[in-house]
Structures are given as C-alpha cells and as structure tokens.
C-alpha cells in the first residue's frame, strides 16, 4: 500500500495548481481515496463541487413523471428526459421510499 502523500506536494498540486483530486492522485501515483483522506487529515478543505451530484430529474414533479410513463412507457420517457432507463427506475424507487 502506498504511503500518504506529503503535505507540500499535495498543497502544490491540489491548492496552487488547482488540479482535481483525480489528477492529483495520478501525479502522486496513489488512489483518489488516499488523496481525499490526506486532504482531510491535513485540514485542507476540498473545493466546492466535489461529492454527490443532484439528479437532473429533481426538477420534474413525480406525478408528471408517472403520467409520462403511463402514456409513453418508461424507456421512451427516460429517452425524452435524456437519462438512462435504469437511472429513471432508481430515481422513482428512491422517491417512493422517501414518500413513506
């Protein structure tokens, strides 16, 4: 297992050169998880925009999505929204669980 990256190298690549965590990991020849852990351990704040992204489906009402699925089918609805069918199914499943 690789050792944790040095603080100076990490600061130079991630903070000064503004490289992404993935690019920094490639330069330091370690995993992106190792870079993320090292940032946290050194107290270096990760830039905004990292982490989970919101689904583009949140802008649609659940009732509108269900109505579209009833008329067009799930595959055509997903295609018209520009998402994968599996993504739409997952989104509906998660919304159903959170509604309970």
C-alpha atoms as a PDB file:
ATOM      1  CA  UNK A   1       0.000   0.000   0.000  1.00  0.00           C
ATOM      2  CA  UNK A   2       1.274   3.462  -0.892  1.00  0.00           C
ATOM      3  CA  UNK A   3       2.169   5.924   1.826  1.00  0.00           C
ATOM      4  CA  UNK A   4       0.111   9.054   2.385  1.00  0.00           C
ATOM      5  CA  UNK A   5       1.190  11.886   0.056  1.00  0.00           C
ATOM      6  CA  UNK A   6       3.409  14.587   1.506  1.00  0.00           C
ATOM      7  CA  UNK A   7       1.615  17.765   2.542  1.00  0.00           C
ATOM      8  CA  UNK A   8       3.801  20.057   0.397  1.00  0.00           C
ATOM      9  CA  UNK A   9       3.258  18.035  -2.772  1.00  0.00           C
ATOM     10  CA  UNK A  10      -0.454  17.792  -2.064  1.00  0.00           C
ATOM     11  CA  UNK A  11      -0.769  21.546  -1.490  1.00  0.00           C
ATOM     12  CA  UNK A  12       1.220  22.329  -4.625  1.00  0.00           C
ATOM     13  CA  UNK A  13      -0.868  20.110  -6.889  1.00  0.00           C
ATOM     14  CA  UNK A  14      -4.328  20.483  -5.372  1.00  0.00           C
ATOM     15  CA  UNK A  15      -4.270  24.019  -3.970  1.00  0.00           C
ATOM     16  CA  UNK A  16      -1.738  26.009  -6.019  1.00  0.00           C
ATOM     17  CA  UNK A  17      -2.111  24.265  -9.394  1.00  0.00           C
ATOM     18  CA  UNK A  18      -5.851  23.678  -8.762  1.00  0.00           C
ATOM     19  CA  UNK A  19      -5.768  20.121 -10.063  1.00  0.00           C
ATOM     20  CA  UNK A  20      -8.665  17.790  -9.341  1.00  0.00           C
ATOM     21  CA  UNK A  21      -8.393  15.048  -6.747  1.00  0.00           C
ATOM     22  CA  UNK A  22      -8.198  12.510  -9.570  1.00  0.00           C
ATOM     23  CA  UNK A  23      -5.417  14.409 -11.397  1.00  0.00           C
ATOM     24  CA  UNK A  24      -3.547  14.880  -8.116  1.00  0.00           C
ATOM     25  CA  UNK A  25      -3.774  11.153  -7.419  1.00  0.00           C
ATOM     26  CA  UNK A  26      -2.389  10.336 -10.861  1.00  0.00           C
ATOM     27  CA  UNK A  27       0.556  12.695 -10.340  1.00  0.00           C
ATOM     28  CA  UNK A  28       1.293  11.272  -6.889  1.00  0.00           C
ATOM     29  CA  UNK A  29       0.806   7.660  -8.057  1.00  0.00           C
ATOM     30  CA  UNK A  30      -1.816   6.830  -5.439  1.00  0.00           C
ATOM     31  CA  UNK A  31      -5.586   6.387  -5.286  1.00  0.00           C
ATOM     32  CA  UNK A  32      -8.055   9.264  -5.280  1.00  0.00           C
ATOM     33  CA  UNK A  33      -9.393   7.952  -1.972  1.00  0.00           C
ATOM     34  CA  UNK A  34      -5.905   8.294  -0.485  1.00  0.00           C
ATOM     35  CA  UNK A  35      -5.716  11.905  -1.703  1.00  0.00           C
ATOM     36  CA  UNK A  36      -9.162  12.688  -0.269  1.00  0.00           C
ATOM     37  CA  UNK A  37      -8.199  11.168   3.095  1.00  0.00           C
ATOM     38  CA  UNK A  38      -4.900  13.074   3.134  1.00  0.00           C
ATOM     39  CA  UNK A  39      -6.688  16.358   2.386  1.00  0.00           C
ATOM     40  CA  UNK A  40      -8.972  15.745   5.329  1.00  0.00           C
ATOM     41  CA  UNK A  41      -6.118  14.725   7.650  1.00  0.00           C
ATOM     42  CA  UNK A  42      -4.058  17.794   6.737  1.00  0.00           C
ATOM     43  CA  UNK A  43      -7.066  20.069   7.174  1.00  0.00           C
ATOM     44  CA  UNK A  44      -7.108  21.147   3.529  1.00  0.00           C
ATOM     45  CA  UNK A  45     -10.656  21.959   2.525  1.00  0.00           C
ATOM     46  CA  UNK A  46     -11.872  20.270  -0.650  1.00  0.00           C
ATOM     47  CA  UNK A  47     -13.179  22.669  -3.263  1.00  0.00           C
ATOM     48  CA  UNK A  48     -16.931  23.007  -3.759  1.00  0.00           C
ATOM     49  CA  UNK A  49     -18.494  20.864  -6.417  1.00  0.00           C
ATOM     50  CA  UNK A  50     -16.931  17.680  -5.196  1.00  0.00           C
ATOM     51  CA  UNK A  51     -19.056  14.874  -3.894  1.00  0.00           C
ATOM     52  CA  UNK A  52     -22.532  13.744  -4.886  1.00  0.00           C
ATOM     53  CA  UNK A  53     -24.401  15.475  -7.625  1.00  0.00           C
ATOM     54  CA  UNK A  54     -28.119  16.060  -7.683  1.00  0.00           C
ATOM     55  CA  UNK A  55     -30.136  14.234 -10.255  1.00  0.00           C
ATOM     56  CA  UNK A  56     -31.483  16.291 -13.122  1.00  0.00           C
ATOM     57  CA  UNK A  57     -34.800  14.529 -12.519  1.00  0.00           C
ATOM     58  CA  UNK A  58     -35.479  16.571  -9.357  1.00  0.00           C
ATOM     59  CA  UNK A  59     -36.853  19.412 -11.463  1.00  0.00           C
ATOM     60  CA  UNK A  60     -39.807  17.249 -12.536  1.00  0.00           C
ATOM     61  CA  UNK A  61     -42.842  16.547 -10.379  1.00  0.00           C
ATOM     62  CA  UNK A  62     -43.284  12.901  -9.522  1.00  0.00           C
ATOM     63  CA  UNK A  63     -46.890  12.938 -10.772  1.00  0.00           C
ATOM     64  CA  UNK A  64     -45.723  14.293 -14.157  1.00  0.00           C
ATOM     65  CA  UNK A  65     -43.099  11.554 -14.469  1.00  0.00           C
ATOM     66  CA  UNK A  66     -45.635   8.850 -13.633  1.00  0.00           C
ATOM     67  CA  UNK A  67     -48.137  10.264 -16.141  1.00  0.00           C
ATOM     68  CA  UNK A  68     -45.490  10.293 -18.847  1.00  0.00           C
ATOM     69  CA  UNK A  69     -44.552   6.701 -18.057  1.00  0.00           C
ATOM     70  CA  UNK A  70     -48.213   5.630 -18.284  1.00  0.00           C
ATOM     71  CA  UNK A  71     -48.596   7.171 -21.734  1.00  0.00           C
ATOM     72  CA  UNK A  72     -45.159   6.629 -23.322  1.00  0.00           C
ATOM     73  CA  UNK A  73     -43.620   3.836 -21.281  1.00  0.00           C
ATOM     74  CA  UNK A  74     -40.537   4.046 -19.114  1.00  0.00           C
ATOM     75  CA  UNK A  75     -37.982   3.644 -21.901  1.00  0.00           C
ATOM     76  CA  UNK A  76     -39.428   6.459 -24.051  1.00  0.00           C
ATOM     77  CA  UNK A  77     -39.822   8.718 -21.007  1.00  0.00           C
ATOM     78  CA  UNK A  78     -36.207   8.159 -19.985  1.00  0.00           C
ATOM     79  CA  UNK A  79     -35.043   8.827 -23.533  1.00  0.00           C
ATOM     80  CA  UNK A  80     -37.062  12.060 -23.741  1.00  0.00           C
ATOM     81  CA  UNK A  81     -35.563  13.235 -20.424  1.00  0.00           C
ATOM     82  CA  UNK A  82     -32.050  12.380 -21.575  1.00  0.00           C
ATOM     83  CA  UNK A  83     -31.347   9.802 -18.873  1.00  0.00           C
ATOM     84  CA  UNK A  84     -30.777   6.077 -18.791  1.00  0.00           C
ATOM     85  CA  UNK A  85     -33.814   3.882 -18.128  1.00  0.00           C
ATOM     86  CA  UNK A  86     -32.068   2.460 -15.057  1.00  0.00           C
ATOM     87  CA  UNK A  87     -31.494   5.970 -13.724  1.00  0.00           C
ATOM     88  CA  UNK A  88     -35.192   6.769 -14.028  1.00  0.00           C
ATOM     89  CA  UNK A  89     -36.177   3.500 -12.341  1.00  0.00           C
ATOM     90  CA  UNK A  90     -33.739   4.144  -9.489  1.00  0.00           C
ATOM     91  CA  UNK A  91     -34.985   7.715  -9.037  1.00  0.00           C
ATOM     92  CA  UNK A  92     -38.610   6.539  -8.836  1.00  0.00           C
ATOM     93  CA  UNK A  93     -37.687   3.807  -6.347  1.00  0.00           C
ATOM     94  CA  UNK A  94     -35.820   6.254  -4.085  1.00  0.00           C
ATOM     95  CA  UNK A  95     -38.656   8.800  -4.262  1.00  0.00           C
ATOM     96  CA  UNK A  96     -41.173   6.087  -3.390  1.00  0.00           C
ATOM     97  CA  UNK A  97     -39.162   5.088  -0.301  1.00  0.00           C
ATOM     98  CA  UNK A  98     -38.763   8.695   0.862  1.00  0.00           C
ATOM     99  CA  UNK A  99     -42.517   9.341   0.490  1.00  0.00           C
ATOM    100  CA  UNK A 100     -43.330   6.661   3.085  1.00  0.00           C
END
